[in-house]
Protein backbone atom coordinates (compact mmCIF):
# COMPACT_ATOMS: atom_id res chain seq x y z
CA MET A 1 -5.92 18.95 4.20
CA ALA A 2 -3.14 18.35 6.72
CA GLU A 3 -3.84 18.60 10.41
CA LEU A 4 -2.48 21.70 12.09
CA SER A 5 -0.20 21.45 15.09
CA ALA A 6 -1.18 22.98 18.42
CA ALA A 7 1.36 25.76 17.85
CA GLU A 8 -0.07 26.55 14.39
CA LEU A 9 -3.61 26.63 15.79
CA GLU A 10 -2.45 28.99 18.54
CA VAL A 11 -0.97 31.38 15.97
CA LEU A 12 -4.15 31.32 13.88
CA GLU A 13 -6.24 31.99 16.99
CA SER A 14 -4.05 34.97 17.90
CA TRP A 15 -4.62 36.41 14.41
CA TYR A 16 -8.39 35.74 14.30
CA ASP A 17 -9.44 39.05 15.88
CA ASP A 18 -6.22 40.97 15.26
CA PRO A 19 -5.49 41.72 11.60
CA ASN A 20 -2.80 44.21 12.63
CA LEU A 21 -0.92 41.44 14.47
CA PHE A 22 -1.32 39.30 11.36
CA ASP A 23 0.30 42.07 9.29
CA ARG A 24 3.18 42.51 11.74
CA GLU A 25 3.94 38.79 11.87
CA VAL A 26 3.34 37.85 8.23
CA TRP A 27 4.88 40.95 6.62
CA PRO A 28 7.29 42.31 9.28
CA ALA A 29 9.32 44.38 6.80
CA ASP A 30 6.16 46.22 5.67
CA SER A 31 4.23 46.46 8.94
CA ASP A 32 5.79 49.77 10.01
CA LYS A 33 4.55 51.32 6.75
CA SER A 34 0.86 51.01 7.70
CA GLU A 35 -0.93 54.34 7.89
CA ASP A 36 -2.93 55.21 11.01
CA TRP A 37 -6.20 54.98 9.08
CA GLN A 38 -5.28 51.45 7.93
CA VAL A 39 -4.68 50.30 11.51
CA LYS A 40 -7.97 51.84 12.66
CA ALA A 41 -9.89 50.41 9.70
CA SER A 42 -8.46 46.96 10.42
CA ASP A 43 -9.74 47.20 13.98
CA LEU A 44 -13.18 48.18 12.64
CA VAL A 45 -13.31 45.16 10.31
CA VAL A 46 -13.16 42.90 13.36
CA LYS A 47 -16.10 44.65 15.03
CA HIS A 48 -18.40 45.39 12.08
CA ASP A 49 -19.83 43.49 9.11
CA ARG A 50 -19.26 46.43 6.77
CA ILE A 51 -17.14 49.54 6.76
CA ALA A 52 -16.73 52.35 4.25
CA ILE A 53 -13.51 54.20 3.55
CA ARG A 54 -13.59 57.57 1.81
CA SER A 55 -10.33 58.97 0.59
CA GLY A 56 -8.40 60.16 -2.39
CA HIS A 57 -6.38 58.22 -4.94
CA GLY A 58 -3.15 56.47 -4.05
CA VAL A 59 -3.49 56.35 -0.27
CA GLY A 60 -3.26 52.55 0.08
CA LYS A 61 -6.88 51.36 0.01
CA THR A 62 -6.21 48.54 -2.45
CA ALA A 63 -3.15 47.30 -0.56
CA TRP A 64 -5.11 47.43 2.69
CA LEU A 65 -8.01 45.50 1.16
CA ALA A 66 -5.71 42.85 -0.32
CA ARG A 67 -4.10 42.28 3.09
CA ARG A 68 -7.52 42.08 4.75
CA ILE A 69 -8.71 39.49 2.23
CA ILE A 70 -5.59 37.38 2.87
CA TRP A 71 -6.01 37.78 6.65
CA TRP A 72 -9.66 36.69 6.45
CA GLY A 73 -8.88 33.68 4.29
CA SER A 74 -5.97 32.68 6.51
CA THR A 75 -7.97 32.75 9.73
CA ARG A 76 -11.38 31.37 8.68
CA PHE A 77 -12.43 28.11 7.07
CA PRO A 78 -14.52 27.75 5.06
CA TRP A 79 -14.57 31.35 3.89
CA LYS A 80 -15.94 33.68 1.27
CA VAL A 81 -15.21 37.33 0.66
CA GLY A 82 -17.46 39.42 -1.54
CA VAL A 83 -15.61 42.12 -3.44
CA THR A 84 -16.97 44.78 -5.79
CA ALA A 85 -15.33 47.56 -7.75
CA PRO A 86 -16.58 50.39 -9.97
CA SER A 87 -15.00 48.77 -13.04
CA SER A 88 -13.54 45.43 -14.11
CA SER A 89 -10.13 47.05 -14.61
CA GLN A 90 -10.07 48.19 -11.00
CA MET A 91 -11.00 44.68 -9.91
CA TYR A 92 -8.56 42.77 -12.10
CA ASP A 93 -5.74 45.23 -12.76
CA ALA A 94 -5.63 46.75 -9.28
CA LEU A 95 -7.06 44.41 -6.65
CA TRP A 96 -6.11 41.02 -8.04
CA SER A 97 -2.58 42.16 -8.83
CA GLU A 98 -2.31 43.60 -5.30
CA LEU A 99 -3.53 40.29 -3.87
CA ALA A 100 -0.85 38.48 -5.86
CA LYS A 101 1.80 40.92 -4.64
CA TRP A 102 0.99 40.47 -0.95
CA HIS A 103 0.46 36.73 -1.28
CA GLY A 104 3.89 36.52 -2.91
CA LYS A 105 5.44 38.32 0.06
CA MET A 106 4.08 35.73 2.53
CA PRO A 107 6.58 33.31 4.07
CA ALA A 108 6.56 29.80 2.64
């Protein structure tokens, strides 16, 4: 693994406890589309080991979770993220495809 520059380390440190800043800087074109609940939930992830989100279908939970997984993996090393879903189709067809979508939108 290549050594990170001081500037790169500074950016990673600024993102460590601020997933909303991570979103704004990594996906600037999409950052203004975050719902209020997503911003609040992101703040809670920093302060708590577990959070629960109750809501209806199609409100952005999977997109939010995909971005949080990418944020976690980008700011911690080594890292692991445990993920569960009610069905394998929700895990593979929804979450993994959403992870691929947001990862693909990241700058090179």
